[in-house]
PDB file of N, CA and C in Angstrom:
ATOM      1  N   UNK A   1     109.234 107.543  76.616  1.00  0.00           N
ATOM      2  CA  UNK A   1     109.818 106.425  76.002  1.00  0.00           C
ATOM      3  C   UNK A   1     108.816 105.265  75.793  1.00  0.00           C
ATOM      4  N   UNK A   2     108.313 104.754  76.831  1.00  0.00           N
ATOM      5  CA  UNK A   2     107.258 103.762  76.662  1.00  0.00           C
ATOM      6  C   UNK A   2     105.895 104.250  76.211  1.00  0.00           C
ATOM      7  N   UNK A   3     105.632 105.607  76.437  1.00  0.00           N
ATOM      8  CA  UNK A   3     104.499 106.219  76.031  1.00  0.00           C
ATOM      9  C   UNK A   3     104.296 106.164  74.610  1.00  0.00           C
ATOM     10  N   UNK A   4     105.318 106.437  73.882  1.00  0.00           N
ATOM     11  CA  UNK A   4     105.377 106.368  72.425  1.00  0.00           C
ATOM     12  C   UNK A   4     105.173 104.978  71.908  1.00  0.00           C
ATOM     13  N   UNK A   5     105.893 104.066  72.519  1.00  0.00           N
ATOM     14  CA  UNK A   5     105.833 102.607  72.162  1.00  0.00           C
ATOM     15  C   UNK A   5     104.406 102.077  72.229  1.00  0.00           C
ATOM     16  N   UNK A   6     103.747 102.414  73.336  1.00  0.00           N
ATOM     17  CA  UNK A   6     102.417 101.899  73.639  1.00  0.00           C
ATOM     18  C   UNK A   6     101.312 102.908  73.153  1.00  0.00           C
ATOM     19  N   UNK A   7     101.762 103.960  72.507  1.00  0.00           N
ATOM     20  CA  UNK A   7     100.749 104.948  71.947  1.00  0.00           C
ATOM     21  C   UNK A   7      99.871 105.594  73.118  1.00  0.00           C
ATOM     22  N   UNK A   8     100.496 105.881  74.176  1.00  0.00           N
ATOM     23  CA  UNK A   8      99.746 106.428  75.333  1.00  0.00           C
ATOM     24  C   UNK A   8      99.678 107.884  75.259  1.00  0.00           C
ATOM     25  N   UNK A   9      98.576 108.519  75.650  1.00  0.00           N
ATOM     26  CA  UNK A   9      98.437 109.921  75.650  1.00  0.00           C
ATOM     27  C   UNK A   9      99.073 110.622  76.828  1.00  0.00           C
ATOM     28  N   UNK A  10      99.220 109.848  77.864  1.00  0.00           N
ATOM     29  CA  UNK A  10      99.913 110.386  79.051  1.00  0.00           C
ATOM     30  C   UNK A  10     100.485 109.207  79.905  1.00  0.00           C
ATOM     31  N   UNK A  11     101.277 109.581  80.864  1.00  0.00           N
ATOM     32  CA  UNK A  11     101.829 108.539  81.810  1.00  0.00           C
ATOM     33  C   UNK A  11     100.650 107.822  82.576  1.00  0.00           C
ATOM     34  N   UNK A  12     100.635 106.487  82.580  1.00  0.00           N
ATOM     35  CA  UNK A  12      99.580 105.845  83.295  1.00  0.00           C
ATOM     36  C   UNK A  12      99.923 105.827  84.815  1.00  0.00           C
ATOM     37  N   UNK A  13      98.934 105.679  85.711  1.00  0.00           N
ATOM     38  CA  UNK A  13      99.119 105.486  87.115  1.00  0.00           C
ATOM     39  C   UNK A  13      99.814 106.740  87.790  1.00  0.00           C
ATOM     40  N   UNK A  14      99.721 107.847  87.197  1.00  0.00           N
ATOM     41  CA  UNK A  14     100.307 109.034  87.876  1.00  0.00           C
ATOM     42  C   UNK A  14      99.423 109.508  88.962  1.00  0.00           C
ATOM     43  N   UNK A  15     100.009 110.366  89.835  1.00  0.00           N
ATOM     44  CA  UNK A  15      99.323 111.013  90.893  1.00  0.00           C
ATOM     45  C   UNK A  15      98.267 112.055  90.519  1.00  0.00           C
ATOM     46  N   UNK A  16      98.362 112.590  89.371  1.00  0.00           N
ATOM     47  CA  UNK A  16      97.497 113.632  88.898  1.00  0.00           C
ATOM     48  C   UNK A  16      96.335 113.154  87.894  1.00  0.00           C
ATOM     49  N   UNK A  17      96.031 111.827  87.904  1.00  0.00           N
ATOM     50  CA  UNK A  17      94.991 111.314  87.102  1.00  0.00           C
ATOM     51  C   UNK A  17      93.666 112.023  87.379  1.00  0.00           C
ATOM     52  N   UNK A  18      92.915 112.452  86.448  1.00  0.00           N
ATOM     53  CA  UNK A  18      91.730 113.079  86.734  1.00  0.00           C
ATOM     54  C   UNK A  18      90.787 112.175  87.465  1.00  0.00           C
ATOM     55  N   UNK A  19      90.069 112.711  88.589  1.00  0.00           N
ATOM     56  CA  UNK A  19      89.292 111.750  89.419  1.00  0.00           C
ATOM     57  C   UNK A  19      88.165 111.037  88.631  1.00  0.00           C
ATOM     58  N   UNK A  20      87.557 111.822  87.656  1.00  0.00           N
ATOM     59  CA  UNK A  20      86.502 111.213  86.867  1.00  0.00           C
ATOM     60  C   UNK A  20      86.965 110.032  86.032  1.00  0.00           C
ATOM     61  N   UNK A  21      88.215 109.807  85.966  1.00  0.00           N
ATOM     62  CA  UNK A  21      88.760 108.609  85.205  1.00  0.00           C
ATOM     63  C   UNK A  21      89.195 107.450  86.151  1.00  0.00           C
ATOM     64  N   UNK A  22      88.947 107.602  87.376  1.00  0.00           N
ATOM     65  CA  UNK A  22      89.328 106.524  88.340  1.00  0.00           C
ATOM     66  C   UNK A  22      88.431 105.359  88.256  1.00  0.00           C
ATOM     67  N   UNK A  23      88.950 104.267  88.524  1.00  0.00           N
ATOM     68  CA  UNK A  23      88.054 102.989  88.560  1.00  0.00           C
ATOM     69  C   UNK A  23      87.306 103.110  89.788  1.00  0.00           C
ATOM     70  N   UNK A  24      85.918 103.010  89.753  1.00  0.00           N
ATOM     71  CA  UNK A  24      85.119 103.136  90.920  1.00  0.00           C
ATOM     72  C   UNK A  24      84.870 101.771  91.599  1.00  0.00           C
ATOM     73  N   UNK A  25      85.900 101.278  92.277  1.00  0.00           N
ATOM     74  CA  UNK A  25      85.846 100.018  92.911  1.00  0.00           C
ATOM     75  C   UNK A  25      84.790  99.940  94.006  1.00  0.00           C
ATOM     76  N   UNK A  26      84.428  98.827  94.498  1.00  0.00           N
ATOM     77  CA  UNK A  26      83.515  98.735  95.667  1.00  0.00           C
ATOM     78  C   UNK A  26      84.159  99.342  96.904  1.00  0.00           C
ATOM     79  N   UNK A  27      85.420  99.190  97.050  1.00  0.00           N
ATOM     80  CA  UNK A  27      86.132  99.828  98.203  1.00  0.00           C
ATOM     81  C   UNK A  27      86.115 101.387  98.155  1.00  0.00           C
ATOM     82  N   UNK A  28      86.324 101.883  96.908  1.00  0.00           N
ATOM     83  CA  UNK A  28      86.290 103.296  96.781  1.00  0.00           C
ATOM     84  C   UNK A  28      84.802 103.858  97.031  1.00  0.00           C
ATOM     85  N   UNK A  29      83.877 103.176  96.414  1.00  0.00           N
ATOM     86  CA  UNK A  29      82.564 103.612  96.668  1.00  0.00           C
ATOM     87  C   UNK A  29      82.133 103.555  98.188  1.00  0.00           C
ATOM     88  N   UNK A  30      82.701 102.583  98.795  1.00  0.00           N
ATOM     89  CA  UNK A  30      82.384 102.483 100.334  1.00  0.00           C
ATOM     90  C   UNK A  30      82.952 103.595 101.115  1.00  0.00           C
ATOM     91  N   UNK A  31      84.239 103.919 100.912  1.00  0.00           N
ATOM     92  CA  UNK A  31      84.808 105.019 101.651  1.00  0.00           C
ATOM     93  C   UNK A  31      84.165 106.392 101.290  1.00  0.00           C
ATOM     94  N   UNK A  32      83.783 106.534  99.985  1.00  0.00           N
ATOM     95  CA  UNK A  32      83.185 107.795  99.598  1.00  0.00           C
ATOM     96  C   UNK A  32      81.883 107.957 100.304  1.00  0.00           C
ATOM     97  N   UNK A  33      81.178 106.842 100.397  1.00  0.00           N
ATOM     98  CA  UNK A  33      79.921 106.858 101.091  1.00  0.00           C
ATOM     99  C   UNK A  33      80.055 107.233 102.538  1.00  0.00           C
ATOM    100  N   UNK A  34      81.129 106.630 103.239  1.00  0.00           N
ATOM    101  CA  UNK A  34      81.354 106.954 104.555  1.00  0.00           C
ATOM    102  C   UNK A  34      81.862 108.433 104.801  1.00  0.00           C
ATOM    103  N   UNK A  35      82.564 108.844 103.892  1.00  0.00           N
ATOM    104  CA  UNK A  35      82.937 110.368 103.943  1.00  0.00           C
ATOM    105  C   UNK A  35      81.683 111.271 103.784  1.00  0.00           C
ATOM    106  N   UNK A  36      80.774 110.807 102.913  1.00  0.00           N
ATOM    107  CA  UNK A  36      79.516 111.609 102.683  1.00  0.00           C
ATOM    108  C   UNK A  36      78.689 111.567 104.036  1.00  0.00           C
ATOM    109  N   UNK A  37      78.723 110.378 104.677  1.00  0.00           N
ATOM    110  CA  UNK A  37      77.986 110.246 105.849  1.00  0.00           C
ATOM    111  C   UNK A  37      78.527 111.161 106.951  1.00  0.00           C
ATOM    112  N   UNK A  38      79.845 111.136 107.017  1.00  0.00           N
ATOM    113  CA  UNK A  38      80.445 112.091 107.997  1.00  0.00           C
ATOM    114  C   UNK A  38      80.173 113.563 107.832  1.00  0.00           C
ATOM    115  N   UNK A  39      80.266 113.917 106.420  1.00  0.00           N
ATOM    116  CA  UNK A  39      80.101 115.288 106.036  1.00  0.00           C
ATOM    117  C   UNK A  39      78.617 115.775 106.411  1.00  0.00           C
ATOM    118  N   UNK A  40      77.659 114.966 106.097  1.00  0.00           N
ATOM    119  CA  UNK A  40      76.297 115.338 106.339  1.00  0.00           C
ATOM    120  C   UNK A  40      76.009 115.546 107.815  1.00  0.00           C
ATOM    121  N   UNK A  41      76.816 114.862 108.670  1.00  0.00           N
ATOM    122  CA  UNK A  41      76.592 114.976 110.131  1.00  0.00           C
ATOM    123  C   UNK A  41      77.586 116.028 110.773  1.00  0.00           C
ATOM    124  N   UNK A  42      78.409 116.587 109.915  1.00  0.00           N
ATOM    125  CA  UNK A  42      79.405 117.586 110.348  1.00  0.00           C
ATOM    126  C   UNK A  42      80.416 117.054 111.323  1.00  0.00           C
ATOM    127  N   UNK A  43      80.839 115.757 111.014  1.00  0.00           N
ATOM    128  CA  UNK A  43      81.791 115.096 111.781  1.00  0.00           C
ATOM    129  C   UNK A  43      83.187 115.285 111.143  1.00  0.00           C
ATOM    130  N   UNK A  44      84.276 114.995 111.924  1.00  0.00           N
ATOM    131  CA  UNK A  44      85.604 114.869 111.444  1.00  0.00           C
ATOM    132  C   UNK A  44      85.647 113.478 110.836  1.00  0.00           C
ATOM    133  N   UNK A  45      86.510 113.313 109.789  1.00  0.00           N
ATOM    134  CA  UNK A  45      86.883 111.999 109.242  1.00  0.00           C
ATOM    135  C   UNK A  45      88.278 111.939 109.036  1.00  0.00           C
ATOM    136  N   UNK A  46      88.876 110.782 109.456  1.00  0.00           N
ATOM    137  CA  UNK A  46      90.276 110.546 109.266  1.00  0.00           C
ATOM    138  C   UNK A  46      90.422 109.265 108.314  1.00  0.00           C
ATOM    139  N   UNK A  47      91.305 109.409 107.348  1.00  0.00           N
ATOM    140  CA  UNK A  47      91.640 108.328 106.487  1.00  0.00           C
ATOM    141  C   UNK A  47      93.089 107.776 106.824  1.00  0.00           C
ATOM    142  N   UNK A  48      93.266 106.558 107.121  1.00  0.00           N
ATOM    143  CA  UNK A  48      94.634 106.042 107.354  1.00  0.00           C
ATOM    144  C   UNK A  48      94.883 104.907 106.551  1.00  0.00           C
ATOM    145  N   UNK A  49      96.024 104.569 106.434  1.00  0.00           N
ATOM    146  CA  UNK A  49      96.408 103.386 105.562  1.00  0.00           C
ATOM    147  C   UNK A  49      97.923 103.358 105.190  1.00  0.00           C
ATOM    148  N   UNK A  50      98.386 102.298 104.698  1.00  0.00           N
ATOM    149  CA  UNK A  50      99.814 102.139 104.297  1.00  0.00           C
ATOM    150  C   UNK A  50     100.004 103.103 103.128  1.00  0.00           C
ATOM    151  N   UNK A  51     101.261 103.306 102.763  1.00  0.00           N
ATOM    152  CA  UNK A  51     101.771 104.136 101.726  1.00  0.00           C
ATOM    153  C   UNK A  51     101.273 103.473 100.442  1.00  0.00           C
ATOM    154  N   UNK A  52     100.782 104.288  99.519  1.00  0.00           N
ATOM    155  CA  UNK A  52     100.448 103.785  98.152  1.00  0.00           C
ATOM    156  C   UNK A  52      99.123 103.181  98.111  1.00  0.00           C
ATOM    157  N   UNK A  53      98.148 103.267  99.152  1.00  0.00           N
ATOM    158  CA  UNK A  53      96.859 102.539  99.113  1.00  0.00           C
ATOM    159  C   UNK A  53      95.722 103.399  98.532  1.00  0.00           C
ATOM    160  N   UNK A  54      96.138 104.792  98.219  1.00  0.00           N
ATOM    161  CA  UNK A  54      95.052 105.600  97.635  1.00  0.00           C
ATOM    162  C   UNK A  54      94.396 106.576  98.474  1.00  0.00           C
ATOM    163  N   UNK A  55      94.993 106.899  99.650  1.00  0.00           N
ATOM    164  CA  UNK A  55      94.326 107.858 100.553  1.00  0.00           C
ATOM    165  C   UNK A  55      94.143 109.198  99.950  1.00  0.00           C
ATOM    166  N   UNK A  56      95.299 109.777  99.359  1.00  0.00           N
ATOM    167  CA  UNK A  56      95.247 111.087  98.893  1.00  0.00           C
ATOM    168  C   UNK A  56      94.347 111.066  97.579  1.00  0.00           C
ATOM    169  N   UNK A  57      94.384 110.021  96.825  1.00  0.00           N
ATOM    170  CA  UNK A  57      93.431 109.990  95.571  1.00  0.00           C
ATOM    171  C   UNK A  57      91.993 109.966  96.079  1.00  0.00           C
ATOM    172  N   UNK A  58      91.690 109.280  97.065  1.00  0.00           N
ATOM    173  CA  UNK A  58      90.396 109.188  97.617  1.00  0.00           C
ATOM    174  C   UNK A  58      89.911 110.522  98.109  1.00  0.00           C
ATOM    175  N   UNK A  59      90.770 111.204  98.757  1.00  0.00           N
ATOM    176  CA  UNK A  59      90.427 112.559  99.250  1.00  0.00           C
ATOM    177  C   UNK A  59      90.182 113.590  98.171  1.00  0.00           C
ATOM    178  N   UNK A  60      91.091 113.474  97.133  1.00  0.00           N
ATOM    179  CA  UNK A  60      90.938 114.339  95.890  1.00  0.00           C
ATOM    180  C   UNK A  60      89.567 113.996  95.256  1.00  0.00           C
ATOM    181  N   UNK A  61      89.170 112.720  95.221  1.00  0.00           N
ATOM    182  CA  UNK A  61      87.940 112.300  94.566  1.00  0.00           C
ATOM    183  C   UNK A  61      86.770 112.892  95.296  1.00  0.00           C
ATOM    184  N   UNK A  62      86.766 112.766  96.539  1.00  0.00           N
ATOM    185  CA  UNK A  62      85.740 113.218  97.353  1.00  0.00           C
ATOM    186  C   UNK A  62      85.614 114.722  97.532  1.00  0.00           C
ATOM    187  N   UNK A  63      86.781 115.373  97.555  1.00  0.00           N
ATOM    188  CA  UNK A  63      86.747 116.889  97.687  1.00  0.00           C
ATOM    189  C   UNK A  63      86.170 117.598  96.519  1.00  0.00           C
ATOM    190  N   UNK A  64      86.209 116.832  95.291  1.00  0.00           N
ATOM    191  CA  UNK A  64      85.598 117.585  94.071  1.00  0.00           C
ATOM    192  C   UNK A  64      84.129 117.509  94.195  1.00  0.00           C
ATOM    193  N   UNK A  65      83.447 116.704  94.826  1.00  0.00           N
ATOM    194  CA  UNK A  65      82.023 116.739  94.898  1.00  0.00           C
ATOM    195  C   UNK A  65      81.417 117.577  96.013  1.00  0.00           C
ATOM    196  N   UNK A  66      82.290 118.107  96.867  1.00  0.00           N
ATOM    197  CA  UNK A  66      81.903 118.933  97.982  1.00  0.00           C
ATOM    198  C   UNK A  66      81.613 120.347  97.574  1.00  0.00           C
ATOM    199  N   UNK A  67      80.708 120.989  98.075  1.00  0.00           N
ATOM    200  CA  UNK A  67      80.405 122.371  97.895  1.00  0.00           C
ATOM    201  C   UNK A  67      81.505 123.209  98.629  1.00  0.00           C
ATOM    202  N   UNK A  68      82.352 123.863  98.035  1.00  0.00           N
ATOM    203  CA  UNK A  68      83.442 124.594  98.793  1.00  0.00           C
ATOM    204  C   UNK A  68      82.878 125.762  99.719  1.00  0.00           C
ATOM    205  N   UNK A  69      81.652 126.147  99.404  1.00  0.00           N
ATOM    206  CA  UNK A  69      81.110 127.259 100.310  1.00  0.00           C
ATOM    207  C   UNK A  69      80.630 126.526 101.665  1.00  0.00           C
ATOM    208  N   UNK A  70      80.350 125.213 101.647  1.00  0.00           N
ATOM    209  CA  UNK A  70      79.946 124.586 102.908  1.00  0.00           C
ATOM    210  C   UNK A  70      80.999 123.814 103.596  1.00  0.00           C
ATOM    211  N   UNK A  71      81.985 123.259 102.857  1.00  0.00           N
ATOM    212  CA  UNK A  71      82.936 122.277 103.464  1.00  0.00           C
ATOM    213  C   UNK A  71      84.445 122.738 103.223  1.00  0.00           C
ATOM    214  N   UNK A  72      85.248 122.391 104.193  1.00  0.00           N
ATOM    215  CA  UNK A  72      86.619 122.655 104.110  1.00  0.00           C
ATOM    216  C   UNK A  72      87.405 121.326 104.334  1.00  0.00           C
ATOM    217  N   UNK A  73      88.194 120.964 103.246  1.00  0.00           N
ATOM    218  CA  UNK A  73      88.992 119.760 103.351  1.00  0.00           C
ATOM    219  C   UNK A  73      90.406 120.111 103.858  1.00  0.00           C
ATOM    220  N   UNK A  74      90.854 119.459 104.928  1.00  0.00           N
ATOM    221  CA  UNK A  74      92.187 119.608 105.438  1.00  0.00           C
ATOM    222  C   UNK A  74      92.985 118.338 105.221  1.00  0.00           C
ATOM    223  N   UNK A  75      94.204 118.501 104.568  1.00  0.00           N
ATOM    224  CA  UNK A  75      95.041 117.441 104.339  1.00  0.00           C
ATOM    225  C   UNK A  75      96.313 117.568 105.328  1.00  0.00           C
ATOM    226  N   UNK A  76      96.427 116.771 106.246  1.00  0.00           N
ATOM    227  CA  UNK A  76      97.639 116.817 107.198  1.00  0.00           C
ATOM    228  C   UNK A  76      98.480 115.625 106.974  1.00  0.00           C
ATOM    229  N   UNK A  77      99.612 115.904 106.511  1.00  0.00           N
ATOM    230  CA  UNK A  77     100.589 114.778 106.159  1.00  0.00           C
ATOM    231  C   UNK A  77     101.766 114.852 107.038  1.00  0.00           C
ATOM    232  N   UNK A  78     101.643 114.291 108.235  1.00  0.00           N
ATOM    233  CA  UNK A  78     102.628 114.170 109.305  1.00  0.00           C
ATOM    234  C   UNK A  78     102.712 112.847 109.956  1.00  0.00           C
ATOM    235  N   UNK A  79     103.610 112.069 109.583  1.00  0.00           N
ATOM    236  CA  UNK A  79     103.587 110.675 110.044  1.00  0.00           C
ATOM    237  C   UNK A  79     103.903 110.563 111.466  1.00  0.00           C
ATOM    238  N   UNK A  80     104.413 111.618 112.132  1.00  0.00           N
ATOM    239  CA  UNK A  80     104.633 111.631 113.672  1.00  0.00           C
ATOM    240  C   UNK A  80     103.388 111.847 114.453  1.00  0.00           C
ATOM    241  N   UNK A  81     102.193 112.169 113.811  1.00  0.00           N
ATOM    242  CA  UNK A  81     101.016 112.349 114.541  1.00  0.00           C
ATOM    243  C   UNK A  81     100.631 111.106 115.280  1.00  0.00           C
ATOM    244  N   UNK A  82      99.966 111.182 116.420  1.00  0.00           N
ATOM    245  CA  UNK A  82      99.442 109.995 117.033  1.00  0.00           C
ATOM    246  C   UNK A  82      97.969 110.291 117.401  1.00  0.00           C
ATOM    247  N   UNK A  83      97.211 109.382 117.752  1.00  0.00           N
ATOM    248  CA  UNK A  83      95.771 109.631 118.093  1.00  0.00           C
ATOM    249  C   UNK A  83      95.609 110.721 119.161  1.00  0.00           C
ATOM    250  N   UNK A  84      96.598 110.862 120.050  1.00  0.00           N
ATOM    251  CA  UNK A  84      96.374 111.847 121.123  1.00  0.00           C
ATOM    252  C   UNK A  84      96.473 113.225 120.550  1.00  0.00           C
ATOM    253  N   UNK A  85      97.196 113.450 119.411  1.00  0.00           N
ATOM    254  CA  UNK A  85      97.170 114.788 118.724  1.00  0.00           C
ATOM    255  C   UNK A  85      95.815 115.203 118.359  1.00  0.00           C
ATOM    256  N   UNK A  86      94.844 114.354 118.089  1.00  0.00           N
ATOM    257  CA  UNK A  86      93.538 114.743 117.696  1.00  0.00           C
ATOM    258  C   UNK A  86      92.618 114.891 118.831  1.00  0.00           C
TER     259      UNK A  86
END
């Protein structure tokens, strides 16, 4: 409906936006750098935040640059987990 009105090729702000089309904000670059730092040292990394802040999008963005033969990305979505579970 509004896509036609505004002549959009797809729905904006969807969850499946290609990561190469993301706005590379200072905050996104910072977290990607921290994830790279953790990966180079073979550490675990945990991303936390409120709903809708871009955690999953950030993980998708970073996972695309990793060599799948070297790294495994795990996504655990369980709001009942506490720090003691880790």
